[in-house]
Full PDB file with SEQRES, HELIX, SHEET, SSBOND, CRYST1, ORIGX, SCALE, CONECT and MASTER records, all heavy atoms in Angstrom:
SEQRES   1 A   41  TYR PRO LEU PRO LEU ARG TRP ALA ASP ALA ASP ALA TYR          
SEQRES   2 A   41  GLY HIS VAL ASN ASN SER LEU PHE LEU THR TYR LEU GLU          
SEQRES   3 A   41  GLU ALA ARG THR ARG MET PHE GLN ASP MET LEU PRO VAL          
SEQRES   4 A   41  ASP GLU                                                      
HELIX    1 AA1 TRP A    7  ASP A    9  5                                   3    
HELIX    2 AA2 LEU A   20  PHE A   33  1                                  14    
CRYST1    1.000    1.000    1.000  90.00  90.00  90.00 P 1           1          
ORIGX1      1.000000  0.000000  0.000000        0.00000                         
ORIGX2      0.000000  1.000000  0.000000        0.00000                         
ORIGX3      0.000000  0.000000  1.000000        0.00000                         
SCALE1      1.000000  0.000000  0.000000        0.00000                         
SCALE2      0.000000  1.000000  0.000000        0.00000                         
SCALE3      0.000000  0.000000  1.000000        0.00000                         
ATOM      1  N   TYR A   1     -90.464 105.255 -39.023  1.00  0.00           N  
ATOM      2  CA  TYR A   1     -90.456 104.934 -37.584  1.00  0.00           C  
ATOM      3  C   TYR A   1     -91.703 104.105 -37.287  1.00  0.00           C  
ATOM      4  O   TYR A   1     -92.855 104.542 -37.469  1.00  0.00           O  
ATOM      5  CB  TYR A   1     -90.506 106.234 -36.755  1.00  0.00           C  
ATOM      6  CG  TYR A   1     -90.682 105.999 -35.264  1.00  0.00           C  
ATOM      7  CD1 TYR A   1     -89.698 105.247 -34.597  1.00  0.00           C  
ATOM      8  CD2 TYR A   1     -91.784 106.420 -34.574  1.00  0.00           C  
ATOM      9  CE1 TYR A   1     -89.870 105.023 -33.187  1.00  0.00           C  
ATOM     10  CE2 TYR A   1     -91.932 106.157 -33.227  1.00  0.00           C  
ATOM     11  CZ  TYR A   1     -90.957 105.447 -32.568  1.00  0.00           C  
ATOM     12  OH  TYR A   1     -91.111 105.165 -31.243  1.00  0.00           O  
ATOM     13  N   PRO A   2     -91.520 102.841 -36.804  1.00  0.00           N  
ATOM     14  CA  PRO A   2     -92.643 102.046 -36.390  1.00  0.00           C  
ATOM     15  C   PRO A   2     -93.175 102.467 -35.009  1.00  0.00           C  
ATOM     16  O   PRO A   2     -92.554 102.188 -34.018  1.00  0.00           O  
ATOM     17  CB  PRO A   2     -92.030 100.613 -36.375  1.00  0.00           C  
ATOM     18  CG  PRO A   2     -90.600 100.833 -36.140  1.00  0.00           C  
ATOM     19  CD  PRO A   2     -90.245 102.155 -36.695  1.00  0.00           C  
ATOM     20  N   LEU A   3     -94.233 103.233 -35.073  1.00  0.00           N  
ATOM     21  CA  LEU A   3     -94.724 103.850 -33.816  1.00  0.00           C  
ATOM     22  C   LEU A   3     -95.738 102.888 -33.097  1.00  0.00           C  
ATOM     23  O   LEU A   3     -96.757 102.543 -33.636  1.00  0.00           O  
ATOM     24  CB  LEU A   3     -95.510 105.169 -34.164  1.00  0.00           C  
ATOM     25  CG  LEU A   3     -96.042 105.920 -32.995  1.00  0.00           C  
ATOM     26  CD1 LEU A   3     -95.222 107.135 -32.730  1.00  0.00           C  
ATOM     27  CD2 LEU A   3     -97.446 106.253 -33.216  1.00  0.00           C  
ATOM     28  N   PRO A   4     -95.399 102.621 -31.848  1.00  0.00           N  
ATOM     29  CA  PRO A   4     -96.354 101.801 -31.064  1.00  0.00           C  
ATOM     30  C   PRO A   4     -97.529 102.660 -30.575  1.00  0.00           C  
ATOM     31  O   PRO A   4     -97.321 103.772 -30.146  1.00  0.00           O  
ATOM     32  CB  PRO A   4     -95.551 101.291 -29.875  1.00  0.00           C  
ATOM     33  CG  PRO A   4     -94.387 102.213 -29.766  1.00  0.00           C  
ATOM     34  CD  PRO A   4     -94.157 102.820 -31.123  1.00  0.00           C  
ATOM     35  N   LEU A   5     -98.704 102.187 -30.758  1.00  0.00           N  
ATOM     36  CA  LEU A   5     -99.871 102.885 -30.282  1.00  0.00           C  
ATOM     37  C   LEU A   5    -100.048 102.605 -28.822  1.00  0.00           C  
ATOM     38  O   LEU A   5     -99.688 101.515 -28.280  1.00  0.00           O  
ATOM     39  CB  LEU A   5    -101.137 102.445 -31.009  1.00  0.00           C  
ATOM     40  CG  LEU A   5    -101.108 102.654 -32.540  1.00  0.00           C  
ATOM     41  CD1 LEU A   5    -102.361 102.102 -33.165  1.00  0.00           C  
ATOM     42  CD2 LEU A   5    -100.954 104.085 -32.903  1.00  0.00           C  
ATOM     43  N   ARG A   6    -100.600 103.554 -28.083  1.00  0.00           N  
ATOM     44  CA  ARG A   6    -100.895 103.391 -26.684  1.00  0.00           C  
ATOM     45  C   ARG A   6    -102.420 103.282 -26.480  1.00  0.00           C  
ATOM     46  O   ARG A   6    -103.193 103.998 -27.149  1.00  0.00           O  
ATOM     47  CB  ARG A   6    -100.370 104.571 -25.937  1.00  0.00           C  
ATOM     48  CG  ARG A   6     -98.842 104.683 -25.981  1.00  0.00           C  
ATOM     49  CD  ARG A   6     -98.278 106.059 -25.564  1.00  0.00           C  
ATOM     50  NE  ARG A   6     -98.632 107.140 -26.526  1.00  0.00           N  
ATOM     51  CZ  ARG A   6     -97.814 107.473 -27.502  1.00  0.00           C  
ATOM     52  NH1 ARG A   6     -96.693 106.854 -27.726  1.00  0.00           N  
ATOM     53  NH2 ARG A   6     -98.193 108.462 -28.330  1.00  0.00           N  
ATOM     54  N   TRP A   7    -102.813 102.432 -25.532  1.00  0.00           N  
ATOM     55  CA  TRP A   7    -104.235 102.217 -25.323  1.00  0.00           C  
ATOM     56  C   TRP A   7    -104.939 103.527 -25.016  1.00  0.00           C  
ATOM     57  O   TRP A   7    -106.068 103.776 -25.481  1.00  0.00           O  
ATOM     58  CB  TRP A   7    -104.446 101.187 -24.219  1.00  0.00           C  
ATOM     59  CG  TRP A   7    -105.880 100.930 -23.897  1.00  0.00           C  
ATOM     60  CD1 TRP A   7    -106.696 100.033 -24.572  1.00  0.00           C  
ATOM     61  CD2 TRP A   7    -106.632 101.554 -22.918  1.00  0.00           C  
ATOM     62  NE1 TRP A   7    -107.929 100.107 -24.058  1.00  0.00           N  
ATOM     63  CE2 TRP A   7    -107.962 101.040 -23.047  1.00  0.00           C  
ATOM     64  CE3 TRP A   7    -106.401 102.543 -21.937  1.00  0.00           C  
ATOM     65  CZ2 TRP A   7    -109.000 101.380 -22.183  1.00  0.00           C  
ATOM     66  CZ3 TRP A   7    -107.453 102.874 -21.098  1.00  0.00           C  
ATOM     67  CH2 TRP A   7    -108.704 102.333 -21.243  1.00  0.00           C  
ATOM     68  N   ALA A   8    -104.234 104.420 -24.283  1.00  0.00           N  
ATOM     69  CA  ALA A   8    -104.814 105.700 -23.909  1.00  0.00           C  
ATOM     70  C   ALA A   8    -104.997 106.658 -25.089  1.00  0.00           C  
ATOM     71  O   ALA A   8    -105.713 107.640 -24.985  1.00  0.00           O  
ATOM     72  CB  ALA A   8    -103.962 106.392 -22.849  1.00  0.00           C  
ATOM     73  N   ASP A   9    -104.425 106.310 -26.252  1.00  0.00           N  
ATOM     74  CA  ASP A   9    -104.549 107.103 -27.451  1.00  0.00           C  
ATOM     75  C   ASP A   9    -106.024 107.038 -28.017  1.00  0.00           C  
ATOM     76  O   ASP A   9    -106.411 107.904 -28.785  1.00  0.00           O  
ATOM     77  CB  ASP A   9    -103.557 106.744 -28.518  1.00  0.00           C  
ATOM     78  CG  ASP A   9    -102.172 107.070 -28.148  1.00  0.00           C  
ATOM     79  OD1 ASP A   9    -101.971 107.737 -27.124  1.00  0.00           O  
ATOM     80  OD2 ASP A   9    -101.216 106.671 -28.895  1.00  0.00           O  
ATOM     81  N   ALA A  10    -106.710 105.938 -27.734  1.00  0.00           N  
ATOM     82  CA  ALA A  10    -108.055 105.692 -28.294  1.00  0.00           C  
ATOM     83  C   ALA A  10    -109.069 106.558 -27.537  1.00  0.00           C  
ATOM     84  O   ALA A  10    -109.000 106.738 -26.327  1.00  0.00           O  
ATOM     85  CB  ALA A  10    -108.381 104.260 -28.207  1.00  0.00           C  
ATOM     86  N   ASP A  11    -110.014 107.184 -28.280  1.00  0.00           N  
ATOM     87  CA  ASP A  11    -111.065 107.926 -27.724  1.00  0.00           C  
ATOM     88  C   ASP A  11    -112.310 107.044 -27.459  1.00  0.00           C  
ATOM     89  O   ASP A  11    -112.281 105.859 -27.603  1.00  0.00           O  
ATOM     90  CB  ASP A  11    -111.396 109.180 -28.529  1.00  0.00           C  
ATOM     91  CG  ASP A  11    -111.857 108.817 -29.957  1.00  0.00           C  
ATOM     92  OD1 ASP A  11    -112.232 107.705 -30.226  1.00  0.00           O  
ATOM     93  OD2 ASP A  11    -111.823 109.746 -30.805  1.00  0.00           O  
ATOM     94  N   ALA A  12    -113.396 107.663 -27.125  1.00  0.00           N  
ATOM     95  CA  ALA A  12    -114.628 106.976 -26.789  1.00  0.00           C  
ATOM     96  C   ALA A  12    -115.167 106.162 -28.029  1.00  0.00           C  
ATOM     97  O   ALA A  12    -115.947 105.229 -27.828  1.00  0.00           O  
ATOM     98  CB  ALA A  12    -115.707 107.929 -26.331  1.00  0.00           C  
ATOM     99  N   TYR A  13    -114.715 106.489 -29.198  1.00  0.00           N  
ATOM    100  CA  TYR A  13    -115.160 105.832 -30.426  1.00  0.00           C  
ATOM    101  C   TYR A  13    -114.255 104.662 -30.772  1.00  0.00           C  
ATOM    102  O   TYR A  13    -114.509 103.968 -31.759  1.00  0.00           O  
ATOM    103  CB  TYR A  13    -115.321 106.771 -31.596  1.00  0.00           C  
ATOM    104  CG  TYR A  13    -116.202 107.946 -31.377  1.00  0.00           C  
ATOM    105  CD1 TYR A  13    -115.765 109.189 -31.173  1.00  0.00           C  
ATOM    106  CD2 TYR A  13    -117.579 107.649 -31.224  1.00  0.00           C  
ATOM    107  CE1 TYR A  13    -116.656 110.238 -30.958  1.00  0.00           C  
ATOM    108  CE2 TYR A  13    -118.517 108.688 -31.000  1.00  0.00           C  
ATOM    109  CZ  TYR A  13    -117.976 109.996 -30.862  1.00  0.00           C  
ATOM    110  OH  TYR A  13    -118.860 111.013 -30.603  1.00  0.00           O  
ATOM    111  N   GLY A  14    -113.183 104.526 -29.992  1.00  0.00           N  
ATOM    112  CA  GLY A  14    -112.245 103.388 -30.249  1.00  0.00           C  
ATOM    113  C   GLY A  14    -111.175 103.686 -31.200  1.00  0.00           C  
ATOM    114  O   GLY A  14    -110.387 102.814 -31.569  1.00  0.00           O  
ATOM    115  N   HIS A  15    -111.119 104.932 -31.749  1.00  0.00           N  
ATOM    116  CA  HIS A  15    -110.026 105.247 -32.667  1.00  0.00           C  
ATOM    117  C   HIS A  15    -109.103 106.338 -32.095  1.00  0.00           C  
ATOM    118  O   HIS A  15    -109.491 107.000 -31.079  1.00  0.00           O  
ATOM    119  CB  HIS A  15    -110.526 105.593 -34.062  1.00  0.00           C  
ATOM    120  CG  HIS A  15    -111.468 106.764 -34.163  1.00  0.00           C  
ATOM    121  ND1 HIS A  15    -111.445 107.827 -33.346  1.00  0.00           N  
ATOM    122  CD2 HIS A  15    -112.372 107.003 -35.019  1.00  0.00           C  
ATOM    123  CE1 HIS A  15    -112.353 108.692 -33.663  1.00  0.00           C  
ATOM    124  NE2 HIS A  15    -112.953 108.245 -34.718  1.00  0.00           N  
ATOM    125  N   VAL A  16    -107.927 106.441 -32.667  1.00  0.00           N  
ATOM    126  CA  VAL A  16    -106.941 107.423 -32.185  1.00  0.00           C  
ATOM    127  C   VAL A  16    -107.524 108.807 -32.453  1.00  0.00           C  
ATOM    128  O   VAL A  16    -107.895 109.117 -33.554  1.00  0.00           O  
ATOM    129  CB  VAL A  16    -105.617 107.168 -32.909  1.00  0.00           C  
ATOM    130  CG1 VAL A  16    -104.611 108.299 -32.577  1.00  0.00           C  
ATOM    131  CG2 VAL A  16    -105.026 105.845 -32.524  1.00  0.00           C  
ATOM    132  N   ASN A  17    -107.439 109.636 -31.385  1.00  0.00           N  
ATOM    133  CA  ASN A  17    -107.961 110.993 -31.559  1.00  0.00           C  
ATOM    134  C   ASN A  17    -107.091 111.736 -32.521  1.00  0.00           C  
ATOM    135  O   ASN A  17    -105.825 111.673 -32.506  1.00  0.00           O  
ATOM    136  CB  ASN A  17    -107.984 111.665 -30.185  1.00  0.00           C  
ATOM    137  CG  ASN A  17    -108.633 113.031 -30.182  1.00  0.00           C  
ATOM    138  OD1 ASN A  17    -108.049 113.982 -30.645  1.00  0.00           O  
ATOM    139  ND2 ASN A  17    -109.890 113.050 -29.738  1.00  0.00           N  
ATOM    140  N   ASN A  18    -107.676 112.543 -33.370  1.00  0.00           N  
ATOM    141  CA  ASN A  18    -106.942 113.339 -34.367  1.00  0.00           C  
ATOM    142  C   ASN A  18    -105.917 114.215 -33.826  1.00  0.00           C  
ATOM    143  O   ASN A  18    -104.856 114.443 -34.490  1.00  0.00           O  
ATOM    144  CB  ASN A  18    -107.865 114.096 -35.259  1.00  0.00           C  
ATOM    145  CG  ASN A  18    -108.641 115.170 -34.550  1.00  0.00           C  
ATOM    146  OD1 ASN A  18    -108.936 115.079 -33.357  1.00  0.00           O  
ATOM    147  ND2 ASN A  18    -108.987 116.215 -35.305  1.00  0.00           N  
ATOM    148  N   SER A  19    -106.026 114.723 -32.633  1.00  0.00           N  
ATOM    149  CA  SER A  19    -105.001 115.595 -32.064  1.00  0.00           C  
ATOM    150  C   SER A  19    -103.724 114.900 -31.812  1.00  0.00           C  
ATOM    151  O   SER A  19    -102.633 115.500 -31.791  1.00  0.00           O  
ATOM    152  CB  SER A  19    -105.526 116.201 -30.787  1.00  0.00           C  
ATOM    153  OG  SER A  19    -105.726 115.244 -29.749  1.00  0.00           O  
ATOM    154  N   LEU A  20    -103.727 113.554 -31.637  1.00  0.00           N  
ATOM    155  CA  LEU A  20    -102.519 112.790 -31.355  1.00  0.00           C  
ATOM    156  C   LEU A  20    -101.640 112.618 -32.607  1.00  0.00           C  
ATOM    157  O   LEU A  20    -100.475 112.326 -32.525  1.00  0.00           O  
ATOM    158  CB  LEU A  20    -102.867 111.487 -30.757  1.00  0.00           C  
ATOM    159  CG  LEU A  20    -103.377 111.598 -29.326  1.00  0.00           C  
ATOM    160  CD1 LEU A  20    -103.920 110.271 -28.834  1.00  0.00           C  
ATOM    161  CD2 LEU A  20    -102.275 112.052 -28.430  1.00  0.00           C  
ATOM    162  N   PHE A  21    -102.234 112.798 -33.816  1.00  0.00           N  
ATOM    163  CA  PHE A  21    -101.483 112.610 -35.027  1.00  0.00           C  
ATOM    164  C   PHE A  21    -100.276 113.570 -35.075  1.00  0.00           C  
ATOM    165  O   PHE A  21     -99.211 113.198 -35.549  1.00  0.00           O  
ATOM    166  CB  PHE A  21    -102.363 112.774 -36.244  1.00  0.00           C  
ATOM    167  CG  PHE A  21    -103.190 111.542 -36.555  1.00  0.00           C  
ATOM    168  CD1 PHE A  21    -104.139 111.084 -35.668  1.00  0.00           C  
ATOM    169  CD2 PHE A  21    -103.057 110.881 -37.747  1.00  0.00           C  
ATOM    170  CE1 PHE A  21    -104.921 109.998 -35.945  1.00  0.00           C  
ATOM    171  CE2 PHE A  21    -103.790 109.728 -38.045  1.00  0.00           C  
ATOM    172  CZ  PHE A  21    -104.750 109.297 -37.132  1.00  0.00           C  
ATOM    173  N   LEU A  22    -100.439 114.803 -34.540  1.00  0.00           N  
ATOM    174  CA  LEU A  22     -99.350 115.745 -34.536  1.00  0.00           C  
ATOM    175  C   LEU A  22     -98.262 115.248 -33.581  1.00  0.00           C  
ATOM    176  O   LEU A  22     -97.043 115.406 -33.857  1.00  0.00           O  
ATOM    177  CB  LEU A  22     -99.798 117.101 -34.105  1.00  0.00           C  
ATOM    178  CG  LEU A  22    -100.599 117.918 -35.138  1.00  0.00           C  
ATOM    179  CD1 LEU A  22    -101.149 119.168 -34.503  1.00  0.00           C  
ATOM    180  CD2 LEU A  22     -99.804 118.200 -36.364  1.00  0.00           C  
ATOM    181  N   THR A  23     -98.619 114.607 -32.463  1.00  0.00           N  
ATOM    182  CA  THR A  23     -97.591 114.038 -31.549  1.00  0.00           C  
ATOM    183  C   THR A  23     -96.896 112.883 -32.248  1.00  0.00           C  
ATOM    184  O   THR A  23     -95.742 112.738 -32.141  1.00  0.00           O  
ATOM    185  CB  THR A  23     -98.336 113.522 -30.310  1.00  0.00           C  
ATOM    186  OG1 THR A  23     -99.017 114.623 -29.687  1.00  0.00           O  
ATOM    187  CG2 THR A  23     -97.334 112.927 -29.349  1.00  0.00           C  
ATOM    188  N   TYR A  24     -97.605 112.077 -33.045  1.00  0.00           N  
ATOM    189  CA  TYR A  24     -96.930 110.977 -33.782  1.00  0.00           C  
ATOM    190  C   TYR A  24     -95.894 111.522 -34.796  1.00  0.00           C  
ATOM    191  O   TYR A  24     -94.835 111.050 -34.943  1.00  0.00           O  
ATOM    192  CB  TYR A  24     -98.023 110.133 -34.561  1.00  0.00           C  
ATOM    193  CG  TYR A  24     -98.956 109.380 -33.664  1.00  0.00           C  
ATOM    194  CD1 TYR A  24    -100.016 108.704 -34.253  1.00  0.00           C  
ATOM    195  CD2 TYR A  24     -98.759 109.346 -32.281  1.00  0.00           C  
ATOM    196  CE1 TYR A  24    -100.875 107.985 -33.465  1.00  0.00           C  
ATOM    197  CE2 TYR A  24     -99.647 108.556 -31.480  1.00  0.00           C  
ATOM    198  CZ  TYR A  24    -100.698 107.911 -32.094  1.00  0.00           C  
ATOM    199  OH  TYR A  24    -101.555 107.173 -31.318  1.00  0.00           O  
ATOM    200  N   LEU A  25     -96.293 112.645 -35.503  1.00  0.00           N  
ATOM    201  CA  LEU A  25     -95.362 113.269 -36.439  1.00  0.00           C  
ATOM    202  C   LEU A  25     -94.107 113.772 -35.705  1.00  0.00           C  
ATOM    203  O   LEU A  25     -92.991 113.577 -36.158  1.00  0.00           O  
ATOM    204  CB  LEU A  25     -96.026 114.410 -37.169  1.00  0.00           C  
ATOM    205  CG  LEU A  25     -97.289 114.152 -37.955  1.00  0.00           C  
ATOM    206  CD1 LEU A  25     -97.838 115.456 -38.632  1.00  0.00           C  
ATOM    207  CD2 LEU A  25     -97.142 113.059 -38.946  1.00  0.00           C  
ATOM    208  N   GLU A  26     -94.327 114.433 -34.558  1.00  0.00           N  
ATOM    209  CA  GLU A  26     -93.250 114.960 -33.752  1.00  0.00           C  
ATOM    210  C   GLU A  26     -92.306 113.798 -33.283  1.00  0.00           C  
ATOM    211  O   GLU A  26     -91.075 113.942 -33.347  1.00  0.00           O  
ATOM    212  CB  GLU A  26     -93.775 115.723 -32.565  1.00  0.00           C  
ATOM    213  CG  GLU A  26     -92.717 116.251 -31.703  1.00  0.00           C  
ATOM    214  CD  GLU A  26     -93.271 116.873 -30.379  1.00  0.00           C  
ATOM    215  OE1 GLU A  26     -94.262 116.323 -29.850  1.00  0.00           O  
ATOM    216  OE2 GLU A  26     -92.770 117.924 -30.002  1.00  0.00           O  
ATOM    217  N   GLU A  27     -92.895 112.727 -32.877  1.00  0.00           N  
ATOM    218  CA  GLU A  27     -92.069 111.621 -32.381  1.00  0.00           C  
ATOM    219  C   GLU A  27     -91.220 111.036 -33.527  1.00  0.00           C  
ATOM    220  O   GLU A  27     -89.990 110.795 -33.298  1.00  0.00           O  
ATOM    221  CB  GLU A  27     -92.962 110.510 -31.766  1.00  0.00           C  
ATOM    222  CG  GLU A  27     -92.126 109.460 -31.061  1.00  0.00           C  
ATOM    223  CD  GLU A  27     -92.984 108.559 -30.215  1.00  0.00           C  
ATOM    224  OE1 GLU A  27     -94.133 108.926 -29.814  1.00  0.00           O  
ATOM    225  OE2 GLU A  27     -92.456 107.462 -29.928  1.00  0.00           O  
ATOM    226  N   ALA A  28     -91.751 110.812 -34.655  1.00  0.00           N  
ATOM    227  CA  ALA A  28     -90.990 110.272 -35.796  1.00  0.00           C  
ATOM    228  C   ALA A  28     -89.941 111.297 -36.214  1.00  0.00           C  
ATOM    229  O   ALA A  28     -88.775 110.893 -36.449  1.00  0.00           O  
ATOM    230  CB  ALA A  28     -91.934 109.939 -36.972  1.00  0.00           C  
ATOM    231  N   ARG A  29     -90.263 112.568 -36.338  1.00  0.00           N  
ATOM    232  CA  ARG A  29     -89.336 113.599 -36.737  1.00  0.00           C  
ATOM    233  C   ARG A  29     -88.169 113.678 -35.740  1.00  0.00           C  
ATOM    234  O   ARG A  29     -86.972 113.754 -36.111  1.00  0.00           O  
ATOM    235  CB  ARG A  29     -90.025 114.942 -36.829  1.00  0.00           C  
ATOM    236  CG  ARG A  29     -89.166 116.094 -37.198  1.00  0.00           C  
ATOM    237  CD  ARG A  29     -89.978 117.382 -37.328  1.00  0.00           C  
ATOM    238  NE  ARG A  29     -90.594 117.800 -36.093  1.00  0.00           N  
ATOM    239  CZ  ARG A  29     -91.914 117.864 -35.852  1.00  0.00           C  
ATOM    240  NH1 ARG A  29     -92.837 117.523 -36.736  1.00  0.00           N  
ATOM    241  NH2 ARG A  29     -92.346 118.299 -34.674  1.00  0.00           N  
ATOM    242  N   THR A  30     -88.459 113.662 -34.442  1.00  0.00           N  
ATOM    243  CA  THR A  30     -87.447 113.732 -33.411  1.00  0.00           C  
ATOM    244  C   THR A  30     -86.475 112.531 -33.527  1.00  0.00           C  
ATOM    245  O   THR A  30     -85.268 112.720 -33.428  1.00  0.00           O  
ATOM    246  CB  THR A  30     -88.107 113.728 -32.032  1.00  0.00           C  
ATOM    247  OG1 THR A  30     -88.937 114.924 -31.949  1.00  0.00           O  
ATOM    248  CG2 THR A  30     -87.072 113.821 -30.952  1.00  0.00           C  
ATOM    249  N   ARG A  31     -87.012 111.375 -33.746  1.00  0.00           N  
ATOM    250  CA  ARG A  31     -86.122 110.188 -33.875  1.00  0.00           C  
ATOM    251  C   ARG A  31     -85.334 110.270 -35.152  1.00  0.00           C  
ATOM    252  O   ARG A  31     -84.175 109.901 -35.160  1.00  0.00           O  
ATOM    253  CB  ARG A  31     -86.997 108.930 -33.822  1.00  0.00           C  
ATOM    254  CG  ARG A  31     -87.543 108.683 -32.425  1.00  0.00           C  
ATOM    255  CD  ARG A  31     -88.402 107.443 -32.362  1.00  0.00           C  
ATOM    256  NE  ARG A  31     -88.994 107.304 -31.093  1.00  0.00           N  
ATOM    257  CZ  ARG A  31     -88.388 106.687 -30.011  1.00  0.00           C  
ATOM    258  NH1 ARG A  31     -87.150 106.203 -30.145  1.00  0.00           N  
ATOM    259  NH2 ARG A  31     -88.985 106.611 -28.866  1.00  0.00           N  
ATOM    260  N   MET A  32     -85.878 110.770 -36.206  1.00  0.00           N  
ATOM    261  CA  MET A  32     -85.105 110.981 -37.450  1.00  0.00           C  
ATOM    262  C   MET A  32     -84.001 111.930 -37.244  1.00  0.00           C  
ATOM    263  O   MET A  32     -82.876 111.718 -37.696  1.00  0.00           O  
ATOM    264  CB  MET A  32     -86.052 111.459 -38.567  1.00  0.00           C  
ATOM    265  CG  MET A  32     -85.371 111.813 -39.879  1.00  0.00           C  
ATOM    266  SD  MET A  32     -86.581 112.506 -40.993  1.00  0.00           S  
ATOM    267  CE  MET A  32     -85.556 113.265 -42.240  1.00  0.00           C  
ATOM    268  N   PHE A  33     -84.253 113.047 -36.556  1.00  0.00           N  
ATOM    269  CA  PHE A  33     -83.274 114.080 -36.352  1.00  0.00           C  
ATOM    270  C   PHE A  33     -82.192 113.736 -35.343  1.00  0.00           C  
ATOM    271  O   PHE A  33     -81.167 114.400 -35.241  1.00  0.00           O  
ATOM    272  CB  PHE A  33     -83.930 115.357 -35.880  1.00  0.00           C  
ATOM    273  CG  PHE A  33     -84.592 116.188 -36.916  1.00  0.00           C  
ATOM    274  CD1 PHE A  33     -84.832 115.661 -38.179  1.00  0.00           C  
ATOM    275  CD2 PHE A  33     -84.975 117.466 -36.682  1.00  0.00           C  
ATOM    276  CE1 PHE A  33     -85.436 116.414 -39.180  1.00  0.00           C  
ATOM    277  CE2 PHE A  33     -85.582 118.240 -37.660  1.00  0.00           C  
ATOM    278  CZ  PHE A  33     -85.794 117.718 -38.915  1.00  0.00           C  
ATOM    279  N   GLN A  34     -82.338 112.594 -34.563  1.00  0.00           N  
ATOM    280  CA  GLN A  34     -81.323 112.236 -33.571  1.00  0.00           C  
ATOM    281  C   GLN A  34     -79.957 112.105 -34.154  1.00  0.00           C  
ATOM    282  O   GLN A  34     -78.981 112.450 -33.462  1.00  0.00           O  
ATOM    283  CB  GLN A  34     -81.687 110.916 -32.880  1.00  0.00           C  
ATOM    284  CG  GLN A  34     -82.811 111.078 -31.797  1.00  0.00           C  
ATOM    285  CD  GLN A  34     -83.200 109.765 -31.179  1.00  0.00           C  
ATOM    286  OE1 GLN A  34     -82.954 108.711 -31.745  1.00  0.00           O  
ATOM    287  NE2 GLN A  34     -83.805 109.845 -29.987  1.00  0.00           N  
ATOM    288  N   ASP A  35     -79.890 111.608 -35.318  1.00  0.00           N  
ATOM    289  CA  ASP A  35     -78.546 111.453 -35.975  1.00  0.00           C  
ATOM    290  C   ASP A  35     -77.933 112.773 -36.538  1.00  0.00           C  
ATOM    291  O   ASP A  35     -76.811 112.787 -36.924  1.00  0.00           O  
ATOM    292  CB  ASP A  35     -78.599 110.360 -37.058  1.00  0.00           C  
ATOM    293  CG  ASP A  35     -78.814 108.978 -36.553  1.00  0.00           C  
ATOM    294  OD1 ASP A  35     -78.481 108.735 -35.369  1.00  0.00           O  
ATOM    295  OD2 ASP A  35     -79.349 108.123 -37.239  1.00  0.00           O  
ATOM    296  N   MET A  36     -78.770 113.788 -36.608  1.00  0.00           N  
ATOM    297  CA  MET A  36     -78.309 115.024 -37.183  1.00  0.00           C  
ATOM    298  C   MET A  36     -77.968 116.093 -36.087  1.00  0.00           C  
ATOM    299  O   MET A  36     -77.037 116.884 -36.264  1.00  0.00           O  
ATOM    300  CB  MET A  36     -79.445 115.590 -38.096  1.00  0.00           C  
ATOM    301  CG  MET A  36     -79.097 116.953 -38.741  1.00  0.00           C  
ATOM    302  SD  MET A  36     -80.372 117.600 -39.819  1.00  0.00           S  
ATOM    303  CE  MET A  36     -81.705 117.866 -38.705  1.00  0.00           C  
ATOM    304  N   LEU A  37     -78.710 116.067 -35.033  1.00  0.00           N  
ATOM    305  CA  LEU A  37     -78.588 117.172 -34.035  1.00  0.00           C  
ATOM    306  C   LEU A  37     -77.387 116.893 -33.109  1.00  0.00           C  
ATOM    307  O   LEU A  37     -77.091 115.728 -32.843  1.00  0.00           O  
ATOM    308  CB  LEU A  37     -79.880 117.287 -33.207  1.00  0.00           C  
ATOM    309  CG  LEU A  37     -81.103 117.793 -34.015  1.00  0.00           C  
ATOM    310  CD1 LEU A  37     -82.305 117.784 -33.126  1.00  0.00           C  
ATOM    311  CD2 LEU A  37     -80.851 119.158 -34.613  1.00  0.00           C  
ATOM    312  N   PRO A  38     -76.764 117.939 -32.572  1.00  0.00           N  
ATOM    313  CA  PRO A  38     -75.675 117.743 -31.594  1.00  0.00           C  
ATOM    314  C   PRO A  38     -76.173 116.950 -30.356  1.00  0.00           C  
ATOM    315  O   PRO A  38     -77.376 116.989 -30.048  1.00  0.00           O  
ATOM    316  CB  PRO A  38     -75.348 119.147 -31.180  1.00  0.00           C  
ATOM    317  CG  PRO A  38     -75.867 120.006 -32.301  1.00  0.00           C  
ATOM    318  CD  PRO A  38     -77.046 119.337 -32.810  1.00  0.00           C  
ATOM    319  N   VAL A  39     -75.221 116.271 -29.696  1.00  0.00           N  
ATOM    320  CA  VAL A  39     -75.599 115.468 -28.570  1.00  0.00           C  
ATOM    321  C   VAL A  39     -75.659 116.284 -27.251  1.00  0.00           C  
ATOM    322  O   VAL A  39     -76.420 115.943 -26.344  1.00  0.00           O  
ATOM    323  CB  VAL A  39     -74.645 114.287 -28.347  1.00  0.00           C  
ATOM    324  CG1 VAL A  39     -74.741 113.263 -29.476  1.00  0.00           C  
ATOM    325  CG2 VAL A  39     -73.194 114.736 -28.201  1.00  0.00           C  
ATOM    326  N   ASP A  40     -74.977 117.409 -27.255  1.00  0.00           N  
ATOM    327  CA  ASP A  40     -74.940 118.262 -26.016  1.00  0.00           C  
ATOM    328  C   ASP A  40     -76.096 119.276 -26.063  1.00  0.00           C  
ATOM    329  O   ASP A  40     -76.554 119.706 -27.136  1.00  0.00           O  
ATOM    330  CB  ASP A  40     -73.618 118.991 -25.861  1.00  0.00           C  
ATOM    331  CG  ASP A  40     -73.364 119.948 -26.977  1.00  0.00           C  
ATOM    332  OD1 ASP A  40     -73.227 119.489 -28.143  1.00  0.00           O  
ATOM    333  OD2 ASP A  40     -73.297 121.154 -26.722  1.00  0.00           O  
ATOM    334  N   GLU A  41     -76.596 119.624 -24.928  1.00  0.00           N  
ATOM    335  CA  GLU A  41     -77.731 120.502 -24.789  1.00  0.00           C  
ATOM    336  C   GLU A  41     -77.463 121.909 -25.367  1.00  0.00           C  
ATOM    337  O   GLU A  41     -78.274 122.488 -26.063  1.00  0.00           O  
ATOM    338  CB  GLU A  41     -78.170 120.685 -23.290  1.00  0.00           C  
ATOM    339  CG  GLU A  41     -79.326 121.548 -23.039  1.00  0.00           C  
ATOM    340  CD  GLU A  41     -80.649 121.074 -23.674  1.00  0.00           C  
ATOM    341  OE1 GLU A  41     -80.780 119.883 -23.921  1.00  0.00           O  
ATOM    342  OE2 GLU A  41     -81.498 121.991 -23.988  1.00  0.00           O  
TER     343      GLU A  41                                                      
MASTER        0    0    0    2    0    0    0    6  342    1    0    4          
END                                                                             
């Protein structure tokens, strides 16, 4: 998954805060699973 970075992801040091890496994993995993999971709630 080609994940776009958001300007707000950068911390005071100019790099992506480590806590956001879990969010990045979740986003990629969710997109991967879209073709596997049912469409209805």
